[in-house]
Structure formats: structure tokens, C-alpha cells
Amino acid sequence: VKCTRAQINIQNFLEKNFKGKIHLSTTKCVLEELKELGDEFEDAYLTAKSFYIQKCAHSFYLDPCSCIYNLINKREYKFLVATQDKELQEKLVQMKGVPILCMNEGQIDMVEPSRDEKTDVKQVCLSPFIH
């Protein structure tokens, strides 16, 4: 929603910064919530509607935070999650290997990883040098 309001083309931004092809996706639950939020979120809804729709693991509407968490938790694909939802950020930061982006003061930032993930990364980076 914030990227849409700030007129940031998220596809171009991600492809430029990650130097590769990015496939944007969402879920039916996210679209349903954006639609329910009404006119104020119409641009975000139309933008998200153009993304690939990931198949939800459930057959009923689930709040977007739970829906996305469940999708990421399945670990079938590698995802980078862009969200302003603090609850979802807190849940995902505890999962190792899930980068999270959010808008902060008009720019896109990466959410800081958990202390455990930082420790794991340090160990992996230093392991070739440890005898």
C-alpha cells in the first residue's frame, strides 16, 4: 500500500536492487482484505491483483498475516516479503532465511534479522576459516 501511495514501482525497484528477475505474488486472502478496505486501498488492490496469485493452503478466508505466514512456513519456495504489518514482521523475523522489506520514511528498508539469524550467518561466513 505504501509503495503504491509513494508511486514506487516495486517490480523495478526489486529487480534493480537484487539484479535479477523478481516474480511478485500475493494471495487471495490479501486481495480480499484490500477489497474490503474500500476506496482508500483501491490502487493497492489493483496493483496486487496484477501479481501472481499464490495458492493458499486453506479453502476459507484467513487474515492476511496468518495466510502469508502459513505460505512462507511451507518452505516450498523462497520468498522475500514486503509488508507494513508489524505482527507479520515479528513472526517472519523469527523464521530463518526470510528477508522482509518495509517502507520507512518514504524509502524501502530491510527489517533487521533476529539475533539468532545474525549468529548463524556469522558462523557460516567464518566456518571456512576455522580449523
Protein backbone atom coordinates (compact mmCIF):
# COMPACT_ATOMS: atom_id res chain seq x y z
CA VAL A 1 0.00 0.00 0.00
CA LYS A 2 2.76 2.46 0.94
CA CYS A 3 4.72 1.70 -2.25
CA THR A 4 1.60 2.40 -4.30
CA ARG A 5 0.98 5.67 -2.47
CA ALA A 6 4.64 6.68 -2.83
CA GLN A 7 4.41 5.78 -6.53
CA ILE A 8 7.26 3.28 -6.26
CA ASN A 9 7.23 0.56 -8.89
CA ILE A 10 8.11 -2.35 -6.61
CA GLN A 11 8.93 -4.67 -9.53
CA ASN A 12 11.51 -2.27 -10.98
CA PHE A 13 12.89 -1.41 -7.55
CA LEU A 14 13.44 -5.05 -6.57
CA GLU A 15 14.87 -6.13 -9.93
CA LYS A 16 17.30 -3.19 -9.92
CA ASN A 17 18.45 -3.78 -6.35
CA PHE A 18 18.57 -7.58 -6.49
CA LYS A 19 19.93 -7.59 -10.04
CA GLY A 20 17.60 -10.25 -11.32
CA LYS A 21 14.08 -11.21 -12.29
CA ILE A 22 11.56 -10.90 -9.48
CA HIS A 23 8.15 -12.58 -9.51
CA LEU A 24 5.65 -10.60 -7.47
CA SER A 25 2.90 -12.59 -5.85
CA THR A 26 0.10 -12.27 -3.34
CA THR A 27 -2.74 -14.44 -2.04
CA LYS A 28 -6.50 -14.40 -2.37
CA CYS A 29 -6.74 -13.55 1.33
CA VAL A 30 -4.62 -10.41 0.86
CA LEU A 31 -6.73 -9.37 -2.14
CA GLU A 32 -9.92 -9.98 -0.20
CA GLU A 33 -8.78 -7.76 2.66
CA LEU A 34 -7.67 -4.97 0.30
CA LYS A 35 -11.05 -5.14 -1.41
CA GLU A 36 -12.88 -4.99 1.94
CA LEU A 37 -10.87 -1.93 2.99
CA GLY A 38 -12.60 0.04 0.25
CA ASP A 39 -11.79 3.01 -1.96
CA GLU A 40 -8.79 4.18 0.06
CA PHE A 41 -6.97 0.97 -0.88
CA GLU A 42 -8.24 0.62 -4.45
CA ASP A 43 -4.87 1.42 -6.06
CA ALA A 44 -3.13 -1.13 -3.85
CA TYR A 45 -5.84 -3.69 -4.66
CA LEU A 46 -5.47 -3.12 -8.42
CA THR A 47 -1.69 -3.35 -8.18
CA ALA A 48 -1.78 -6.53 -6.09
CA LYS A 49 -4.39 -8.03 -8.40
CA SER A 50 -1.82 -7.88 -11.23
CA PHE A 51 0.57 -10.10 -9.25
CA TYR A 52 0.73 -13.89 -9.48
CA ILE A 53 -1.82 -15.35 -7.03
CA GLN A 54 -0.19 -17.94 -4.76
CA LYS A 55 -2.42 -20.83 -3.83
CA CYS A 56 -3.48 -20.62 -0.19
CA ALA A 57 -3.15 -23.79 1.87
CA HIS A 58 -6.68 -23.27 3.16
CA SER A 59 -10.06 -23.23 1.45
CA PHE A 60 -11.55 -20.41 3.55
CA TYR A 61 -10.68 -16.74 4.07
CA LEU A 62 -7.89 -16.26 6.58
CA ASP A 63 -6.50 -12.96 7.82
CA PRO A 64 -3.58 -11.97 5.53
CA CYS A 65 -0.98 -12.18 8.31
CA SER A 66 -1.83 -15.82 9.05
CA CYS A 67 -2.23 -16.65 5.36
CA ILE A 68 1.20 -15.29 4.41
CA TYR A 69 2.85 -16.83 7.46
CA ASN A 70 1.40 -20.24 6.57
CA LEU A 71 2.52 -19.88 2.95
CA ILE A 72 6.08 -18.96 3.94
CA ASN A 73 6.19 -21.67 6.62
CA LYS A 74 5.55 -24.37 3.99
CA ARG A 75 9.00 -23.51 2.54
CA GLU A 76 8.09 -24.67 -0.97
CA TYR A 77 9.60 -21.54 -2.49
CA LYS A 78 11.98 -18.80 -1.42
CA PHE A 79 10.13 -15.61 -0.63
CA LEU A 80 11.09 -12.06 0.14
CA VAL A 81 8.16 -10.47 1.96
CA ALA A 82 7.24 -6.80 1.64
CA THR A 83 4.84 -5.82 4.42
CA GLN A 84 3.97 -2.99 6.77
CA ASP A 85 2.17 -5.42 9.10
CA LYS A 86 4.18 -5.36 12.35
CA GLU A 87 2.64 -8.63 13.57
CA LEU A 88 3.68 -10.41 10.37
CA GLN A 89 7.16 -8.86 10.52
CA GLU A 90 7.60 -10.12 14.09
CA LYS A 91 6.52 -13.65 13.13
CA LEU A 92 8.65 -13.80 9.99
CA VAL A 93 11.80 -12.36 11.58
CA GLN A 94 11.85 -15.49 13.78
CA MET A 95 11.96 -17.69 10.66
CA LYS A 96 15.47 -18.03 9.36
CA GLY A 97 16.12 -17.08 5.76
CA VAL A 98 13.07 -14.90 5.12
CA PRO A 99 14.08 -11.36 4.14
CA ILE A 100 11.46 -8.72 4.96
CA LEU A 101 11.08 -5.31 3.33
CA CYS A 102 9.01 -2.41 4.58
CA MET A 103 8.55 1.29 3.83
CA ASN A 104 10.12 3.63 6.34
CA GLU A 105 10.05 7.40 5.94
CA GLY A 106 9.49 7.17 2.18
CA GLN A 107 12.14 4.58 1.44
CA ILE A 108 12.22 0.80 1.30
CA ASP A 109 14.23 -0.80 4.10
CA MET A 110 15.07 -4.35 5.06
CA VAL A 111 13.85 -5.40 8.51
CA GLU A 112 16.74 -6.36 10.77
CA PRO A 113 17.10 -10.14 11.16
CA SER A 114 16.80 -11.84 14.54
CA ARG A 115 19.83 -12.21 16.82
CA ASP A 116 19.84 -15.99 16.17
CA GLU A 117 19.90 -15.48 12.41
CA LYS A 118 22.77 -12.99 12.68
CA THR A 119 24.72 -15.51 14.77
CA ASP A 120 24.06 -18.28 12.23
CA VAL A 121 25.20 -16.08 9.36
CA LYS A 122 28.41 -15.15 11.21
CA GLN A 123 29.16 -18.83 11.84
CA VAL A 124 28.58 -19.74 8.18
CA CYS A 125 30.74 -16.84 6.99
CA LEU A 126 33.58 -17.69 9.38
CA SER A 127 33.42 -21.50 9.08
CA PRO A 128 35.95 -21.82 6.20
CA PHE A 129 38.50 -20.01 8.36
CA ILE A 130 38.02 -22.10 11.49
CA HIS A 131 40.24 -25.19 11.80
